[in-house]
Protein backbone atom coordinates (compact mmCIF):
# COMPACT_ATOMS: atom_id res chain seq x y z
CA MET A 1 -41.83 -15.14 -8.69
CA LYS A 2 -39.37 -16.98 -5.92
CA ARG A 3 -36.51 -16.37 -8.40
CA ILE A 4 -36.56 -12.84 -8.88
CA ILE A 5 -37.47 -12.39 -4.83
CA PHE A 6 -34.23 -14.86 -4.26
CA GLY A 7 -32.52 -12.51 -7.10
CA SER A 8 -33.27 -9.32 -5.38
CA ALA A 9 -32.30 -10.62 -1.74
CA ILE A 10 -28.65 -11.85 -3.02
CA LEU A 11 -28.63 -8.38 -4.88
CA ALA A 12 -29.31 -6.61 -1.18
CA ILE A 13 -26.84 -9.00 0.49
CA ALA A 14 -24.08 -8.13 -1.96
CA ALA A 15 -24.94 -4.11 -1.41
CA VAL A 16 -24.86 -4.40 2.12
CA LEU A 17 -21.57 -6.19 2.12
CA SER A 18 -19.60 -4.00 -0.15
CA ALA A 19 -20.73 -1.16 1.87
CA MET A 20 -19.59 -2.80 4.99
CA THR A 21 -16.16 -3.24 3.47
CA ALA A 22 -16.11 -0.04 1.94
CA ASP A 23 -16.74 1.10 5.45
CA ARG A 24 -13.78 -1.04 7.05
CA THR A 25 -11.41 0.19 4.53
CA VAL A 26 -12.53 4.22 5.33
CA LYS A 27 -11.79 2.94 9.14
CA THR A 28 -8.82 1.48 8.38
CA ILE A 29 -7.05 4.74 6.91
CA ALA A 30 -8.81 6.70 9.13
CA GLU A 31 -7.33 5.35 12.63
CA THR A 32 -3.93 5.74 11.52
CA PRO A 33 -2.06 9.09 11.35
CA VAL A 34 -0.69 8.25 7.66
CA ASN A 35 -1.90 11.08 5.36
CA TRP A 36 -3.55 8.19 2.96
CA MET A 37 -3.69 8.90 -0.47
CA THR A 38 -4.91 7.33 -3.94
CA PHE A 39 -2.60 6.13 -6.31
CA GLU A 40 -4.12 9.14 -8.45
CA GLU A 41 -3.30 11.81 -6.07
CA ALA A 42 -0.10 10.44 -5.24
CA VAL A 43 0.92 11.00 -9.01
CA GLU A 44 -0.64 14.30 -9.82
CA LYS A 45 1.30 15.45 -6.22
CA SER A 46 3.82 14.34 -7.82
CA LYS A 47 3.86 16.89 -10.52
CA THR A 48 4.44 19.52 -8.41
CA GLU A 49 6.45 18.17 -5.42
CA LYS A 50 9.02 15.14 -6.09
CA ARG A 51 9.11 12.64 -3.82
CA LYS A 52 9.14 8.52 -3.90
CA ILE A 53 5.63 7.01 -3.54
CA ILE A 54 4.96 4.25 -1.35
CA ILE A 55 2.35 1.77 -2.18
CA ASP A 56 0.75 -0.55 0.79
CA VAL A 57 -0.60 -3.13 -1.84
CA TYR A 58 -3.55 -4.73 0.09
CA THR A 59 -7.14 -6.89 0.21
CA ASP A 60 -9.74 -6.01 2.29
CA TRP A 61 -9.11 -10.31 3.66
CA CYS A 62 -5.84 -10.17 4.24
CA GLY A 63 -5.18 -10.49 8.18
CA TRP A 64 -2.04 -9.91 7.99
CA CYS A 65 -2.79 -6.53 6.47
CA LYS A 66 -5.06 -5.52 8.86
CA VAL A 67 -2.41 -6.51 11.59
CA MET A 68 0.29 -4.63 9.91
CA ASP A 69 -2.19 -1.38 9.41
CA LYS A 70 -2.88 -1.35 13.64
CA ASN A 71 0.42 -2.51 14.90
CA THR A 72 2.75 -0.96 11.86
CA PHE A 73 1.01 2.23 10.23
CA SER A 74 -0.41 3.62 13.55
CA ASP A 75 2.91 3.85 15.18
CA PRO A 76 3.97 7.69 15.02
CA GLU A 77 7.38 7.03 13.94
CA VAL A 78 6.40 5.25 10.93
CA ALA A 79 3.61 8.00 10.34
CA LYS A 80 6.21 10.85 10.42
CA LEU A 81 8.71 9.23 8.21
CA LEU A 82 5.91 8.11 5.66
CA ASN A 83 4.12 11.85 6.04
CA GLU A 84 7.38 13.63 5.51
CA LYS A 85 9.45 11.57 3.29
CA PHE A 86 6.98 10.03 0.78
CA TYR A 87 3.57 10.47 -0.27
CA ALA A 88 1.85 7.24 1.22
CA VAL A 89 -0.99 5.05 -1.12
CA LYS A 90 -3.54 2.95 0.26
CA PHE A 91 -4.39 0.22 -3.03
CA ASN A 92 -6.52 -2.34 -2.74
CA ALA A 93 -5.20 -5.40 -5.01
CA GLU A 94 -9.34 -6.04 -5.99
CA GLN A 95 -10.57 -2.90 -6.39
CA THR A 96 -12.92 -2.48 -9.64
CA ALA A 97 -12.32 1.22 -10.54
CA ASP A 98 -10.31 1.63 -13.59
CA ILE A 99 -6.68 3.40 -13.20
CA VAL A 100 -5.40 5.30 -15.97
CA PHE A 101 -1.63 6.11 -15.56
CA ARG A 102 0.68 7.11 -18.63
CA GLY A 103 -1.77 6.55 -21.39
CA THR A 104 -2.35 3.65 -20.17
CA THR A 105 -5.99 2.13 -18.59
CA PHE A 106 -5.44 -0.39 -15.84
CA LYS A 107 -8.80 -2.36 -15.31
CA PHE A 108 -9.98 -5.27 -12.57
CA VAL A 109 -9.38 -8.78 -13.82
CA PRO A 110 -12.41 -10.72 -12.56
CA TYR A 111 -11.58 -14.62 -12.02
CA GLY A 112 -12.46 -16.85 -9.35
CA ASN A 113 -14.44 -15.60 -6.58
CA ASN A 114 -12.53 -12.20 -6.30
CA GLY A 115 -10.21 -10.72 -9.17
CA THR A 116 -7.01 -8.58 -9.44
CA HIS A 117 -6.56 -5.03 -10.46
CA GLN A 118 -4.11 -4.95 -13.66
CA LEU A 119 -2.21 -2.15 -11.67
CA ALA A 120 -1.46 -4.29 -8.26
CA ALA A 121 0.17 -7.13 -10.75
CA VAL A 122 2.26 -4.31 -12.10
CA LEU A 123 3.33 -3.06 -9.25
CA LEU A 124 3.26 -6.48 -7.47
CA ASN A 125 6.12 -8.17 -10.70
CA ASN A 126 2.96 -10.65 -11.03
CA GLN A 127 4.03 -11.75 -7.71
CA LEU A 128 0.79 -11.12 -5.80
CA SER A 129 1.14 -11.09 -2.20
CA TYR A 130 -0.44 -9.60 0.98
CA PRO A 131 0.38 -7.02 2.13
CA SER A 132 2.91 -6.01 -0.01
CA ILE A 133 5.05 -2.40 0.19
CA VAL A 134 6.30 -1.04 -3.06
CA PHE A 135 8.65 1.84 -2.97
CA VAL A 136 8.36 3.96 -6.63
CA GLU A 137 10.99 6.07 -7.48
CA GLU A 138 10.43 9.78 -8.00
CA ASP A 139 10.62 9.03 -11.79
CA PHE A 140 8.22 6.17 -12.01
CA LYS A 141 10.81 4.27 -13.62
CA SER A 142 12.01 2.03 -10.75
CA VAL A 143 9.80 -0.23 -8.37
CA SER A 144 10.48 -2.20 -5.89
CA PRO A 145 7.57 -4.77 -4.13
CA VAL A 146 9.03 -5.85 -0.81
CA PRO A 147 6.16 -8.98 0.10
CA GLY A 148 5.29 -9.64 3.32
CA PHE A 149 3.97 -8.37 6.92
CA LYS A 150 6.77 -5.73 8.67
CA LYS A 151 7.00 -4.65 11.96
CA ARG A 152 7.13 -1.37 13.19
CA GLU A 153 10.71 -1.51 14.29
CA GLU A 154 11.61 -3.86 10.81
CA PHE A 155 9.50 -1.24 8.73
CA HIS A 156 10.68 2.41 9.91
CA LYS A 157 14.49 0.96 9.41
CA MET A 158 13.41 -0.06 5.46
CA LEU A 159 11.40 3.34 4.74
CA ALA A 160 14.56 4.82 6.46
CA TYR A 161 16.72 3.08 4.00
CA PHE A 162 14.91 4.10 1.47
CA THR A 163 14.93 7.79 1.62
CA THR A 164 18.90 7.99 1.56
CA GLU A 165 20.83 6.92 -1.33
CA PHE A 166 22.55 4.44 0.04
CA TYR A 167 20.16 1.85 -1.43
CA LYS A 168 21.10 2.51 -4.55
CA LYS A 169 24.11 0.96 -4.16
CA GLY A 170 23.46 -2.69 -3.40
CA ASP A 171 24.66 -4.65 -0.63
CA ALA A 172 27.79 -2.21 0.06
CA GLY A 173 25.40 0.59 0.56
CA ARG A 174 23.00 -1.52 3.43
CA VAL A 175 26.54 -2.00 5.19
CA GLU A 176 26.64 1.28 4.83
CA PHE A 177 23.20 2.67 6.02
CA GLU A 178 23.40 -0.16 8.97
CA LYS A 179 26.49 2.03 10.21
CA VAL A 180 24.72 5.17 10.53
CA TYR A 181 20.86 4.09 10.93
CA LYS A 182 19.92 4.90 14.76
CA SER A 183 16.49 3.38 15.82
CA PRO A 184 13.90 5.12 17.69
CA TYR A 185 13.31 2.15 19.17
CA SER A 186 16.24 1.80 21.07
CA SER A 187 16.58 2.46 24.26
CA ASN A 188 20.45 2.81 23.64
CA PRO A 189 21.71 6.13 22.94
């Protein structure tokens, strides 16, 4: 009898913690001016209007992910660029729901206390680091993961770079881009 009560208590606590985690993720997404969507929504939307997809790969326990939500994604200049030029996706690397993409079903793989979603591992080239931003070409053939926290100024510049053709030219393109990029955060005219 004690085992049944203890087991029920554990299940109840797990359900409450799960609801709290889901609620925190929803609030974080709602607090930013970015038009976040799911991976599936971005793929579907790209069928009618081609755009690059940017994926914020995060986990609920990642402190720097929360700082990026609060300080980078909430910035009006960053949000404007994301909303106008990309399909912005929030992707929890530990989500358990299956995702079907191009005939392949990606699943959650449990290990240790948590686990990782197979799609997160593919997007990050098996270099799991959070937060990570992944740029996906309109044709879904080229994926460029960029690991680590980015301040709004750095992130805006990176976004602007990926909206141009300069990024396809490697180092020479980066030099050209540096000459024309105008930061909205600079007080210099």
